[in-house]
């Protein structure tokens, strides 16, 4: 509202000022939305996609009790047994069947026993961390399916198996024939965050800068800058609170939902994905609290500033009194002042 004379009635706000205010508010809302998406992209770039951060902090996450059994089943059912069957089939006619009948069960029992001993000597947590690190490398740096060769699986499950001649021979044969690659998920089955890693990494830089630019332009355009600044600060506060609420509700990385529950890899993948998510979630919570604190402090300061300005604003004068004089009605109903005798 604008007035030319303190004593004159208030005149309507010019249409140009209203357009500027609406434009400023629209840009403020755009800035808040860009901040929300940009903050999530920044978290993904600096934490979710950073294998060093996840590996360093994964030691703080406890592993499930069934990891060792799942690791044993993965190596035996997905590599040892298929590789042995492939070897028997590849032998000359009659010889493969003869070998399988004479020594097949003994070889399989030796290999299975060696795997069980090697896995039991490993801590479940170490297996989970190795798998989580390997899966994250595949998700971030790969562009095809999330898959591991037999030798990679053996290193993840139990690196000491490299010293066992039976198991190492079977694994080497499986590598050479390509019969036993372990595919956890196809790339097109994964959620958006894993299909467009480079896009999100770029958005983590572009969107926060765009949010700052939109907020600055909103303040420049608006004729009521304090009100626009308050909208921006409340928006920042809501971004932080909304992120905290979303984290509290829960979520996942999506890779564990892709794996077949009947597959021996499922429990391992679920545990590894949980480890990556728990570690990354902690960083997201810290980031959300920082945004919440910034928005809260800015909102309180702006509200105090606006309230102080309202208190200092002069009261419009009466028709026959000085600026700030209260209006009182005369006995005849016409405007007057509060001076004695009137």
C-alpha atoms as a PDB file:
ATOM      1  CA  UNK A   1       0.000   0.000   0.000  1.00  0.00           C
ATOM      2  CA  UNK A   2       1.328   3.503  -0.828  1.00  0.00           C
ATOM      3  CA  UNK A   3       0.237   6.943   0.322  1.00  0.00           C
ATOM      4  CA  UNK A   4       1.253  10.371  -0.924  1.00  0.00           C
ATOM      5  CA  UNK A   5       0.021  12.272   2.131  1.00  0.00           C
ATOM      6  CA  UNK A   6       0.119  10.896   5.681  1.00  0.00           C
ATOM      7  CA  UNK A   7      -3.248  12.393   6.380  1.00  0.00           C
ATOM      8  CA  UNK A   8      -4.973  11.226   3.216  1.00  0.00           C
ATOM      9  CA  UNK A   9      -6.840   7.947   2.846  1.00  0.00           C
ATOM     10  CA  UNK A  10      -4.832   4.930   1.726  1.00  0.00           C
ATOM     11  CA  UNK A  11      -4.733   4.417  -2.025  1.00  0.00           C
ATOM     12  CA  UNK A  12      -4.757   1.033  -3.763  1.00  0.00           C
ATOM     13  CA  UNK A  13      -1.402  -0.542  -4.537  1.00  0.00           C
ATOM     14  CA  UNK A  14      -0.352   0.043  -8.168  1.00  0.00           C
ATOM     15  CA  UNK A  15      -0.800  -2.992 -10.441  1.00  0.00           C
ATOM     16  CA  UNK A  16       2.922  -2.904 -11.269  1.00  0.00           C
ATOM     17  CA  UNK A  17       3.872  -3.472  -7.596  1.00  0.00           C
ATOM     18  CA  UNK A  18       1.422  -6.353  -7.331  1.00  0.00           C
ATOM     19  CA  UNK A  19       2.930  -7.985 -10.403  1.00  0.00           C
ATOM     20  CA  UNK A  20       6.399  -7.606  -8.921  1.00  0.00           C
ATOM     21  CA  UNK A  21       5.275  -9.152  -5.641  1.00  0.00           C
ATOM     22  CA  UNK A  22       3.631 -12.111  -7.377  1.00  0.00           C
ATOM     23  CA  UNK A  23       6.700 -12.623  -9.547  1.00  0.00           C
ATOM     24  CA  UNK A  24       8.936 -12.499  -6.486  1.00  0.00           C
ATOM     25  CA  UNK A  25       6.823 -15.077  -4.649  1.00  0.00           C
ATOM     26  CA  UNK A  26       6.794 -17.406  -7.664  1.00  0.00           C
ATOM     27  CA  UNK A  27      10.573 -17.185  -7.959  1.00  0.00           C
ATOM     28  CA  UNK A  28      10.874 -17.828  -4.213  1.00  0.00           C
ATOM     29  CA  UNK A  29       8.841 -21.037  -4.522  1.00  0.00           C
ATOM     30  CA  UNK A  30      10.952 -22.117  -7.514  1.00  0.00           C
ATOM     31  CA  UNK A  31      14.097 -21.466  -5.469  1.00  0.00           C
ATOM     32  CA  UNK A  32      12.806 -23.656  -2.631  1.00  0.00           C
ATOM     33  CA  UNK A  33      11.959 -26.535  -4.997  1.00  0.00           C
ATOM     34  CA  UNK A  34      15.404 -26.280  -6.606  1.00  0.00           C
ATOM     35  CA  UNK A  35      16.965 -26.321  -3.153  1.00  0.00           C
ATOM     36  CA  UNK A  36      15.071 -29.485  -2.204  1.00  0.00           C
ATOM     37  CA  UNK A  37      16.109 -31.414  -5.317  1.00  0.00           C
ATOM     38  CA  UNK A  38      19.596 -29.934  -5.287  1.00  0.00           C
ATOM     39  CA  UNK A  39      20.215 -30.871  -1.653  1.00  0.00           C
ATOM     40  CA  UNK A  40      19.279 -34.493  -2.369  1.00  0.00           C
ATOM     41  CA  UNK A  41      21.517 -34.524  -5.449  1.00  0.00           C
ATOM     42  CA  UNK A  42      24.361 -33.054  -3.394  1.00  0.00           C
ATOM     43  CA  UNK A  43      23.924 -35.793  -0.785  1.00  0.00           C
ATOM     44  CA  UNK A  44      24.016 -38.435  -3.515  1.00  0.00           C
ATOM     45  CA  UNK A  45      27.154 -36.939  -5.076  1.00  0.00           C
ATOM     46  CA  UNK A  46      29.104 -36.448  -1.843  1.00  0.00           C
ATOM     47  CA  UNK A  47      27.997 -39.540   0.095  1.00  0.00           C
ATOM     48  CA  UNK A  48      25.906 -42.112  -1.749  1.00  0.00           C
ATOM     49  CA  UNK A  49      28.238 -42.178  -4.764  1.00  0.00           C
ATOM     50  CA  UNK A  50      31.435 -41.835  -2.708  1.00  0.00           C
ATOM     51  CA  UNK A  51      32.783 -45.344  -2.117  1.00  0.00           C
ATOM     52  CA  UNK A  52      35.507 -44.057   0.209  1.00  0.00           C
ATOM     53  CA  UNK A  53      32.947 -42.486   2.560  1.00  0.00           C
ATOM     54  CA  UNK A  54      30.772 -45.605   2.648  1.00  0.00           C
ATOM     55  CA  UNK A  55      33.730 -47.954   3.127  1.00  0.00           C
ATOM     56  CA  UNK A  56      35.198 -45.827   5.916  1.00  0.00           C
ATOM     57  CA  UNK A  57      31.949 -45.664   7.869  1.00  0.00           C
ATOM     58  CA  UNK A  58      30.542 -49.106   7.088  1.00  0.00           C
ATOM     59  CA  UNK A  59      32.512 -50.543  10.024  1.00  0.00           C
ATOM     60  CA  UNK A  60      30.039 -48.827  12.346  1.00  0.00           C
ATOM     61  CA  UNK A  61      27.120 -50.883  11.001  1.00  0.00           C
ATOM     62  CA  UNK A  62      26.427 -54.316  12.486  1.00  0.00           C
ATOM     63  CA  UNK A  63      25.948 -57.253  10.129  1.00  0.00           C
ATOM     64  CA  UNK A  64      23.105 -59.770  10.268  1.00  0.00           C
ATOM     65  CA  UNK A  65      23.703 -63.274  11.624  1.00  0.00           C
ATOM     66  CA  UNK A  66      22.696 -65.033   8.388  1.00  0.00           C
ATOM     67  CA  UNK A  67      25.379 -63.392   6.242  1.00  0.00           C
ATOM     68  CA  UNK A  68      27.877 -66.255   6.550  1.00  0.00           C
ATOM     69  CA  UNK A  69      25.309 -68.886   5.584  1.00  0.00           C
ATOM     70  CA  UNK A  70      24.197 -66.780   2.622  1.00  0.00           C
ATOM     71  CA  UNK A  71      27.824 -66.262   1.530  1.00  0.00           C
ATOM     72  CA  UNK A  72      28.489 -69.997   1.626  1.00  0.00           C
ATOM     73  CA  UNK A  73      25.334 -70.721  -0.364  1.00  0.00           C
ATOM     74  CA  UNK A  74      26.262 -68.076  -2.922  1.00  0.00           C
ATOM     75  CA  UNK A  75      29.686 -69.534  -3.644  1.00  0.00           C
ATOM     76  CA  UNK A  76      28.630 -73.202  -3.568  1.00  0.00           C
ATOM     77  CA  UNK A  77      25.290 -72.976  -5.394  1.00  0.00           C
ATOM     78  CA  UNK A  78      26.147 -70.295  -7.941  1.00  0.00           C
ATOM     79  CA  UNK A  79      29.775 -71.184  -8.734  1.00  0.00           C
ATOM     80  CA  UNK A  80      31.098 -74.497  -7.392  1.00  0.00           C
ATOM     81  CA  UNK A  81      28.212 -76.765  -8.379  1.00  0.00           C
ATOM     82  CA  UNK A  82      27.569 -75.221 -11.838  1.00  0.00           C
ATOM     83  CA  UNK A  83      31.316 -75.163 -12.609  1.00  0.00           C
ATOM     84  CA  UNK A  84      31.716 -78.842 -11.725  1.00  0.00           C
ATOM     85  CA  UNK A  85      28.687 -79.759 -13.823  1.00  0.00           C
ATOM     86  CA  UNK A  86      30.128 -77.722 -16.717  1.00  0.00           C
ATOM     87  CA  UNK A  87      33.447 -79.543 -16.364  1.00  0.00           C
ATOM     88  CA  UNK A  88      31.857 -82.961 -16.476  1.00  0.00           C
ATOM     89  CA  UNK A  89      29.852 -82.005 -19.557  1.00  0.00           C
ATOM     90  CA  UNK A  90      32.957 -80.664 -21.292  1.00  0.00           C
ATOM     91  CA  UNK A  91      34.878 -83.939 -20.838  1.00  0.00           C
ATOM     92  CA  UNK A  92      34.966 -86.469 -23.702  1.00  0.00           C
ATOM     93  CA  UNK A  93      31.964 -88.741 -24.008  1.00  0.00           C
ATOM     94  CA  UNK A  94      31.806 -91.249 -21.196  1.00  0.00           C
ATOM     95  CA  UNK A  95      34.773 -89.841 -19.288  1.00  0.00           C
ATOM     96  CA  UNK A  96      32.816 -86.969 -17.762  1.00  0.00           C
ATOM     97  CA  UNK A  97      30.135 -89.311 -16.471  1.00  0.00           C
ATOM     98  CA  UNK A  98      32.778 -91.697 -15.158  1.00  0.00           C
ATOM     99  CA  UNK A  99      34.599 -88.913 -13.302  1.00  0.00           C
ATOM    100  CA  UNK A 100      31.366 -87.608 -11.881  1.00  0.00           C
ATOM    101  CA  UNK A 101      30.410 -91.075 -10.666  1.00  0.00           C
ATOM    102  CA  UNK A 102      33.797 -91.889  -9.149  1.00  0.00           C
ATOM    103  CA  UNK A 103      34.889 -88.580  -7.643  1.00  0.00           C
ATOM    104  CA  UNK A 104      32.131 -86.056  -8.247  1.00  0.00           C
ATOM    105  CA  UNK A 105      30.646 -86.160  -4.774  1.00  0.00           C
ATOM    106  CA  UNK A 106      34.082 -86.201  -3.117  1.00  0.00           C
ATOM    107  CA  UNK A 107      35.260 -83.134  -5.043  1.00  0.00           C
ATOM    108  CA  UNK A 108      32.066 -81.268  -4.305  1.00  0.00           C
ATOM    109  CA  UNK A 109      32.244 -82.198  -0.621  1.00  0.00           C
ATOM    110  CA  UNK A 110      35.880 -81.070  -0.411  1.00  0.00           C
ATOM    111  CA  UNK A 111      35.073 -77.769  -2.078  1.00  0.00           C
ATOM    112  CA  UNK A 112      31.979 -77.187   0.049  1.00  0.00           C
ATOM    113  CA  UNK A 113      33.864 -77.986   3.238  1.00  0.00           C
ATOM    114  CA  UNK A 114      36.677 -75.633   2.269  1.00  0.00           C
ATOM    115  CA  UNK A 115      34.209 -72.846   1.529  1.00  0.00           C
ATOM    116  CA  UNK A 116      32.396 -73.357   4.837  1.00  0.00           C
ATOM    117  CA  UNK A 117      35.633 -73.277   6.809  1.00  0.00           C
ATOM    118  CA  UNK A 118      36.916 -70.193   5.006  1.00  0.00           C
ATOM    119  CA  UNK A 119      33.636 -68.327   5.442  1.00  0.00           C
ATOM    120  CA  UNK A 120      33.290 -69.270   9.116  1.00  0.00           C
ATOM    121  CA  UNK A 121      36.776 -67.878   9.738  1.00  0.00           C
ATOM    122  CA  UNK A 122      35.582 -64.515   8.394  1.00  0.00           C
ATOM    123  CA  UNK A 123      33.521 -62.084  10.397  1.00  0.00           C
ATOM    124  CA  UNK A 124      30.078 -61.543   8.941  1.00  0.00           C
ATOM    125  CA  UNK A 125      30.693 -57.818   9.095  1.00  0.00           C
ATOM    126  CA  UNK A 126      33.816 -58.079   6.908  1.00  0.00           C
ATOM    127  CA  UNK A 127      31.922 -60.024   4.249  1.00  0.00           C
ATOM    128  CA  UNK A 128      29.145 -57.432   4.258  1.00  0.00           C
ATOM    129  CA  UNK A 129      31.545 -54.500   3.943  1.00  0.00           C
ATOM    130  CA  UNK A 130      33.409 -56.112   1.032  1.00  0.00           C
ATOM    131  CA  UNK A 131      30.172 -56.850  -0.785  1.00  0.00           C
ATOM    132  CA  UNK A 132      28.755 -53.385  -0.090  1.00  0.00           C
ATOM    133  CA  UNK A 133      31.914 -51.803  -1.465  1.00  0.00           C
ATOM    134  CA  UNK A 134      31.856 -54.025  -4.564  1.00  0.00           C
ATOM    135  CA  UNK A 135      28.159 -53.362  -5.215  1.00  0.00           C
ATOM    136  CA  UNK A 136      28.603 -49.624  -4.812  1.00  0.00           C
ATOM    137  CA  UNK A 137      31.510 -49.600  -7.287  1.00  0.00           C
ATOM    138  CA  UNK A 138      29.320 -51.430  -9.786  1.00  0.00           C
ATOM    139  CA  UNK A 139      26.369 -49.102  -9.235  1.00  0.00           C
ATOM    140  CA  UNK A 140      28.395 -45.894  -9.483  1.00  0.00           C
ATOM    141  CA  UNK A 141      31.101 -46.675 -12.038  1.00  0.00           C
ATOM    142  CA  UNK A 142      29.421 -49.340 -14.158  1.00  0.00           C
ATOM    143  CA  UNK A 143      26.993 -48.868 -17.008  1.00  0.00           C
ATOM    144  CA  UNK A 144      25.788 -52.454 -17.451  1.00  0.00           C
ATOM    145  CA  UNK A 145      24.310 -55.066 -15.148  1.00  0.00           C
ATOM    146  CA  UNK A 146      25.468 -55.334 -11.539  1.00  0.00           C
ATOM    147  CA  UNK A 147      27.426 -58.579 -11.907  1.00  0.00           C
ATOM    148  CA  UNK A 148      30.510 -60.320 -10.547  1.00  0.00           C
ATOM    149  CA  UNK A 149      32.837 -62.946 -11.974  1.00  0.00           C
ATOM    150  CA  UNK A 150      33.467 -66.141  -9.975  1.00  0.00           C
ATOM    151  CA  UNK A 151      36.891 -64.898  -8.854  1.00  0.00           C
ATOM    152  CA  UNK A 152      35.365 -61.597  -7.659  1.00  0.00           C
ATOM    153  CA  UNK A 153      32.726 -63.497  -5.683  1.00  0.00           C
ATOM    154  CA  UNK A 154      35.425 -65.692  -4.099  1.00  0.00           C
ATOM    155  CA  UNK A 155      37.397 -62.619  -3.013  1.00  0.00           C
ATOM    156  CA  UNK A 156      34.267 -61.037  -1.512  1.00  0.00           C
ATOM    157  CA  UNK A 157      33.173 -64.177   0.339  1.00  0.00           C
ATOM    158  CA  UNK A 158      36.575 -65.336   1.615  1.00  0.00           C
ATOM    159  CA  UNK A 159      39.902 -64.082   0.211  1.00  0.00           C
ATOM    160  CA  UNK A 160      41.725 -67.001   1.883  1.00  0.00           C
ATOM    161  CA  UNK A 161      40.130 -69.401  -0.619  1.00  0.00           C
ATOM    162  CA  UNK A 162      42.843 -68.408  -3.085  1.00  0.00           C
ATOM    163  CA  UNK A 163      45.176 -70.729  -1.110  1.00  0.00           C
ATOM    164  CA  UNK A 164      42.847 -73.726  -1.476  1.00  0.00           C
ATOM    165  CA  UNK A 165      43.795 -75.703  -4.592  1.00  0.00           C
ATOM    166  CA  UNK A 166      40.428 -77.384  -5.063  1.00  0.00           C
ATOM    167  CA  UNK A 167      38.326 -74.256  -4.795  1.00  0.00           C
ATOM    168  CA  UNK A 168      40.781 -72.028  -6.668  1.00  0.00           C
ATOM    169  CA  UNK A 169      40.887 -74.550  -9.543  1.00  0.00           C
ATOM    170  CA  UNK A 170      37.100 -74.639  -9.757  1.00  0.00           C
ATOM    171  CA  UNK A 171      36.892 -70.836  -9.653  1.00  0.00           C
ATOM    172  CA  UNK A 172      39.566 -70.486 -12.354  1.00  0.00           C
ATOM    173  CA  UNK A 173      37.708 -72.944 -14.578  1.00  0.00           C
ATOM    174  CA  UNK A 174      34.456 -71.022 -14.027  1.00  0.00           C
ATOM    175  CA  UNK A 175      36.214 -67.778 -15.004  1.00  0.00           C
ATOM    176  CA  UNK A 176      37.669 -69.291 -18.171  1.00  0.00           C
ATOM    177  CA  UNK A 177      34.372 -70.756 -19.359  1.00  0.00           C
ATOM    178  CA  UNK A 178      32.206 -67.808 -18.301  1.00  0.00           C
ATOM    179  CA  UNK A 179      29.616 -70.214 -16.998  1.00  0.00           C
ATOM    180  CA  UNK A 180      28.989 -68.813 -13.573  1.00  0.00           C
ATOM    181  CA  UNK A 181      28.808 -65.029 -13.614  1.00  0.00           C
ATOM    182  CA  UNK A 182      26.646 -63.800 -10.742  1.00  0.00           C
ATOM    183  CA  UNK A 183      24.210 -61.146 -11.974  1.00  0.00           C
ATOM    184  CA  UNK A 184      22.540 -59.241  -9.135  1.00  0.00           C
ATOM    185  CA  UNK A 185      20.439 -56.861 -11.247  1.00  0.00           C
ATOM    186  CA  UNK A 186      20.104 -55.470 -14.734  1.00  0.00           C
ATOM    187  CA  UNK A 187      20.755 -51.753 -15.053  1.00  0.00           C
ATOM    188  CA  UNK A 188      17.254 -50.972 -16.347  1.00  0.00           C
ATOM    189  CA  UNK A 189      15.750 -52.667 -13.278  1.00  0.00           C
ATOM    190  CA  UNK A 190      17.449 -50.272 -10.892  1.00  0.00           C
ATOM    191  CA  UNK A 191      15.858 -47.093  -9.479  1.00  0.00           C
ATOM    192  CA  UNK A 192      16.421 -43.696 -11.121  1.00  0.00           C
ATOM    193  CA  UNK A 193      19.238 -42.767  -8.723  1.00  0.00           C
ATOM    194  CA  UNK A 194      21.390 -45.650 -10.050  1.00  0.00           C
ATOM    195  CA  UNK A 195      20.459 -45.347 -13.724  1.00  0.00           C
ATOM    196  CA  UNK A 196      21.442 -41.677 -14.045  1.00  0.00           C
ATOM    197  CA  UNK A 197      24.510 -41.255 -11.849  1.00  0.00           C
ATOM    198  CA  UNK A 198      26.238 -38.652 -14.024  1.00  0.00           C
ATOM    199  CA  UNK A 199      23.043 -36.626 -14.412  1.00  0.00           C
ATOM    200  CA  UNK A 200      22.585 -36.469 -10.650  1.00  0.00           C
ATOM    201  CA  UNK A 201      26.238 -35.585 -10.115  1.00  0.00           C
ATOM    202  CA  UNK A 202      25.800 -32.645 -12.484  1.00  0.00           C
ATOM    203  CA  UNK A 203      22.514 -31.634 -10.841  1.00  0.00           C
ATOM    204  CA  UNK A 204      24.287 -31.536  -7.472  1.00  0.00           C
ATOM    205  CA  UNK A 205      26.313 -28.564  -8.746  1.00  0.00           C
ATOM    206  CA  UNK A 206      23.804 -26.844 -11.020  1.00  0.00           C
ATOM    207  CA  UNK A 207      20.623 -26.960  -8.919  1.00  0.00           C
ATOM    208  CA  UNK A 208      21.961 -25.366  -5.688  1.00  0.00           C
ATOM    209  CA  UNK A 209      23.460 -22.536  -7.757  1.00  0.00           C
ATOM    210  CA  UNK A 210      20.157 -22.156  -9.601  1.00  0.00           C
ATOM    211  CA  UNK A 211      18.328 -22.025  -6.270  1.00  0.00           C
ATOM    212  CA  UNK A 212      20.601 -19.228  -5.050  1.00  0.00           C
ATOM    213  CA  UNK A 213      20.118 -17.309  -8.307  1.00  0.00           C
ATOM    214  CA  UNK A 214      16.326 -17.700  -8.196  1.00  0.00           C
ATOM    215  CA  UNK A 215      16.237 -16.540  -4.578  1.00  0.00           C
ATOM    216  CA  UNK A 216      18.385 -13.486  -5.320  1.00  0.00           C
ATOM    217  CA  UNK A 217      16.256 -12.523  -8.332  1.00  0.00           C
ATOM    218  CA  UNK A 218      13.101 -12.969  -6.235  1.00  0.00           C
ATOM    219  CA  UNK A 219      14.420 -10.451  -3.715  1.00  0.00           C
ATOM    220  CA  UNK A 220      15.419  -7.997  -6.434  1.00  0.00           C
ATOM    221  CA  UNK A 221      12.091  -8.234  -8.243  1.00  0.00           C
ATOM    222  CA  UNK A 222       9.798  -8.025  -5.236  1.00  0.00           C
ATOM    223  CA  UNK A 223       8.697  -4.666  -3.880  1.00  0.00           C
ATOM    224  CA  UNK A 224       8.269  -6.274  -0.427  1.00  0.00           C
ATOM    225  CA  UNK A 225      11.646  -7.821   0.066  1.00  0.00           C
ATOM    226  CA  UNK A 226      11.262  -8.682   3.732  1.00  0.00           C
ATOM    227  CA  UNK A 227       8.114 -10.693   3.044  1.00  0.00           C
ATOM    228  CA  UNK A 228       9.787 -12.460   0.121  1.00  0.00           C
ATOM    229  CA  UNK A 229      12.840 -13.194   2.260  1.00  0.00           C
ATOM    230  CA  UNK A 230      10.538 -14.667   4.913  1.00  0.00           C
ATOM    231  CA  UNK A 231       8.943 -16.941   2.309  1.00  0.00           C
ATOM    232  CA  UNK A 232      12.408 -18.103   1.280  1.00  0.00           C
ATOM    233  CA  UNK A 233      13.518 -18.766   4.851  1.00  0.00           C
ATOM    234  CA  UNK A 234      10.350 -20.686   5.699  1.00  0.00           C
ATOM    235  CA  UNK A 235      10.843 -22.683   2.495  1.00  0.00           C
ATOM    236  CA  UNK A 236      14.383 -23.580   3.541  1.00  0.00           C
ATOM    237  CA  UNK A 237      13.028 -24.651   6.928  1.00  0.00           C
ATOM    238  CA  UNK A 238      10.404 -26.857   5.277  1.00  0.00           C
ATOM    239  CA  UNK A 239      13.033 -28.453   3.035  1.00  0.00           C
ATOM    240  CA  UNK A 240      15.051 -29.484   6.070  1.00  0.00           C
ATOM    241  CA  UNK A 241      12.057 -30.701   8.074  1.00  0.00           C
ATOM    242  CA  UNK A 242      10.596 -32.538   5.083  1.00  0.00           C
ATOM    243  CA  UNK A 243      13.879 -34.366   4.502  1.00  0.00           C
ATOM    244  CA  UNK A 244      14.040 -35.418   8.153  1.00  0.00           C
ATOM    245  CA  UNK A 245      10.464 -36.698   8.034  1.00  0.00           C
ATOM    246  CA  UNK A 246      11.141 -38.644   4.828  1.00  0.00           C
ATOM    247  CA  UNK A 247      14.214 -40.266   6.379  1.00  0.00           C
ATOM    248  CA  UNK A 248      12.252 -41.133   9.520  1.00  0.00           C
ATOM    249  CA  UNK A 249       9.530 -42.807   7.440  1.00  0.00           C
ATOM    250  CA  UNK A 250      12.179 -45.031   5.888  1.00  0.00           C
ATOM    251  CA  UNK A 251      13.497 -46.014   2.505  1.00  0.00           C
ATOM    252  CA  UNK A 252      15.979 -48.161   0.636  1.00  0.00           C
ATOM    253  CA  UNK A 253      18.392 -48.030  -2.278  1.00  0.00           C
ATOM    254  CA  UNK A 254      16.235 -50.250  -4.474  1.00  0.00           C
ATOM    255  CA  UNK A 255      18.949 -52.799  -5.307  1.00  0.00           C
ATOM    256  CA  UNK A 256      17.750 -55.156  -2.547  1.00  0.00           C
ATOM    257  CA  UNK A 257      14.226 -55.111  -3.984  1.00  0.00           C
ATOM    258  CA  UNK A 258      15.511 -56.215  -7.396  1.00  0.00           C
ATOM    259  CA  UNK A 259      17.265 -59.388  -6.229  1.00  0.00           C
ATOM    260  CA  UNK A 260      15.167 -62.561  -6.325  1.00  0.00           C
ATOM    261  CA  UNK A 261      14.220 -63.581  -2.741  1.00  0.00           C
ATOM    262  CA  UNK A 262      14.719 -67.260  -3.661  1.00  0.00           C
ATOM    263  CA  UNK A 263      18.254 -66.610  -4.898  1.00  0.00           C
ATOM    264  CA  UNK A 264      21.125 -67.242  -2.440  1.00  0.00           C
ATOM    265  CA  UNK A 265      22.433 -63.771  -3.265  1.00  0.00           C
ATOM    266  CA  UNK A 266      19.313 -62.068  -1.923  1.00  0.00           C
ATOM    267  CA  UNK A 267      20.230 -62.044   1.770  1.00  0.00           C
ATOM    268  CA  UNK A 268      23.727 -60.825   1.016  1.00  0.00           C
ATOM    269  CA  UNK A 269      22.502 -58.103  -1.318  1.00  0.00           C
ATOM    270  CA  UNK A 270      19.876 -57.030   1.195  1.00  0.00           C
ATOM    271  CA  UNK A 271      22.471 -56.722   3.949  1.00  0.00           C
ATOM    272  CA  UNK A 272      24.974 -54.898   1.735  1.00  0.00           C
ATOM    273  CA  UNK A 273      22.324 -52.474   0.471  1.00  0.00           C
ATOM    274  CA  UNK A 274      21.186 -51.870   4.041  1.00  0.00           C
ATOM    275  CA  UNK A 275      24.766 -51.063   5.050  1.00  0.00           C
ATOM    276  CA  UNK A 276      25.174 -48.550   2.216  1.00  0.00           C
ATOM    277  CA  UNK A 277      21.823 -46.929   3.026  1.00  0.00           C
ATOM    278  CA  UNK A 278      22.412 -46.680   6.786  1.00  0.00           C
ATOM    279  CA  UNK A 279      25.816 -45.058   6.298  1.00  0.00           C
ATOM    280  CA  UNK A 280      24.510 -42.654   3.642  1.00  0.00           C
ATOM    281  CA  UNK A 281      21.380 -41.853   5.637  1.00  0.00           C
ATOM    282  CA  UNK A 282      23.417 -40.541   8.541  1.00  0.00           C
ATOM    283  CA  UNK A 283      25.048 -37.991   6.290  1.00  0.00           C
ATOM    284  CA  UNK A 284      21.667 -36.991   4.855  1.00  0.00           C
ATOM    285  CA  UNK A 285      20.272 -36.457   8.355  1.00  0.00           C
ATOM    286  CA  UNK A 286      23.216 -34.222   9.288  1.00  0.00           C
ATOM    287  CA  UNK A 287      22.706 -32.214   6.097  1.00  0.00           C
ATOM    288  CA  UNK A 288      18.964 -31.898   6.754  1.00  0.00           C
ATOM    289  CA  UNK A 289      19.547 -30.646  10.301  1.00  0.00           C
ATOM    290  CA  UNK A 290      21.937 -27.984   8.988  1.00  0.00           C
ATOM    291  CA  UNK A 291      19.332 -26.802   6.452  1.00  0.00           C
ATOM    292  CA  UNK A 292      16.624 -26.827   9.134  1.00  0.00           C
ATOM    293  CA  UNK A 293      18.743 -24.758  11.514  1.00  0.00           C
ATOM    294  CA  UNK A 294      19.559 -22.237   8.780  1.00  0.00           C
ATOM    295  CA  UNK A 295      15.902 -21.847   7.822  1.00  0.00           C
ATOM    296  CA  UNK A 296      14.759 -21.565  11.447  1.00  0.00           C
ATOM    297  CA  UNK A 297      17.317 -18.913  12.375  1.00  0.00           C
ATOM    298  CA  UNK A 298      16.618 -16.862   9.246  1.00  0.00           C
ATOM    299  CA  UNK A 299      12.840 -17.081   9.815  1.00  0.00           C
ATOM    300  CA  UNK A 300      13.108 -15.930  13.434  1.00  0.00           C
ATOM    301  CA  UNK A 301      15.353 -13.010  12.486  1.00  0.00           C
ATOM    302  CA  UNK A 302      13.057 -11.914   9.657  1.00  0.00           C
ATOM    303  CA  UNK A 303       9.917 -12.210  11.782  1.00  0.00           C
ATOM    304  CA  UNK A 304      11.552 -10.050  14.451  1.00  0.00           C
ATOM    305  CA  UNK A 305      12.628  -7.542  11.837  1.00  0.00           C
ATOM    306  CA  UNK A 306       9.147  -7.346  10.329  1.00  0.00           C
ATOM    307  CA  UNK A 307       7.529  -7.019  13.771  1.00  0.00           C
ATOM    308  CA  UNK A 308       9.954  -4.276  14.762  1.00  0.00           C
ATOM    309  CA  UNK A 309       9.245  -2.400  11.552  1.00  0.00           C
ATOM    310  CA  UNK A 310       5.511  -2.639  12.186  1.00  0.00           C
ATOM    311  CA  UNK A 311       5.939  -1.214  15.699  1.00  0.00           C
ATOM    312  CA  UNK A 312       7.975   1.730  14.422  1.00  0.00           C
ATOM    313  CA  UNK A 313       5.615   2.523  11.553  1.00  0.00           C
ATOM    314  CA  UNK A 314       3.797   5.861  12.293  1.00  0.00           C
ATOM    315  CA  UNK A 315       0.045   5.741  12.866  1.00  0.00           C
ATOM    316  CA  UNK A 316      -1.880   7.721  10.215  1.00  0.00           C
ATOM    317  CA  UNK A 317      -2.897  11.166  11.485  1.00  0.00           C
ATOM    318  CA  UNK A 318      -6.456  12.229  12.170  1.00  0.00           C
ATOM    319  CA  UNK A 319      -8.044  14.808   9.911  1.00  0.00           C
ATOM    320  CA  UNK A 320      -7.341  17.579  12.398  1.00  0.00           C
ATOM    321  CA  UNK A 321      -4.381  16.310  14.434  1.00  0.00           C
ATOM    322  CA  UNK A 322      -0.645  15.728  14.000  1.00  0.00           C
ATOM    323  CA  UNK A 323       0.904  12.510  12.728  1.00  0.00           C
ATOM    324  CA  UNK A 324       0.445   9.673  15.210  1.00  0.00           C
ATOM    325  CA  UNK A 325      -2.615  11.274  16.900  1.00  0.00           C
ATOM    326  CA  UNK A 326      -5.472   8.886  17.690  1.00  0.00           C
ATOM    327  CA  UNK A 327      -8.783   9.642  16.068  1.00  0.00           C
ATOM    328  CA  UNK A 328     -11.812  10.174  18.286  1.00  0.00           C
ATOM    329  CA  UNK A 329     -15.305  10.953  17.179  1.00  0.00           C
ATOM    330  CA  UNK A 330     -16.894  14.265  18.166  1.00  0.00           C
ATOM    331  CA  UNK A 331     -20.323  14.236  19.717  1.00  0.00           C
ATOM    332  CA  UNK A 332     -21.787  14.979  16.292  1.00  0.00           C
ATOM    333  CA  UNK A 333     -20.045  11.864  14.830  1.00  0.00           C
ATOM    334  CA  UNK A 334     -17.369  13.692  12.825  1.00  0.00           C
ATOM    335  CA  UNK A 335     -13.665  12.717  13.182  1.00  0.00           C
ATOM    336  CA  UNK A 336     -11.856  14.580  15.914  1.00  0.00           C
ATOM    337  CA  UNK A 337      -8.774  14.217  18.154  1.00  0.00           C
ATOM    338  CA  UNK A 338      -8.108  13.220  21.750  1.00  0.00           C
ATOM    339  CA  UNK A 339      -7.022  16.690  22.850  1.00  0.00           C
ATOM    340  CA  UNK A 340      -9.026  18.041  25.826  1.00  0.00           C
ATOM    341  CA  UNK A 341     -11.834  20.297  24.965  1.00  0.00           C
ATOM    342  CA  UNK A 342     -12.568  18.607  21.606  1.00  0.00           C
END
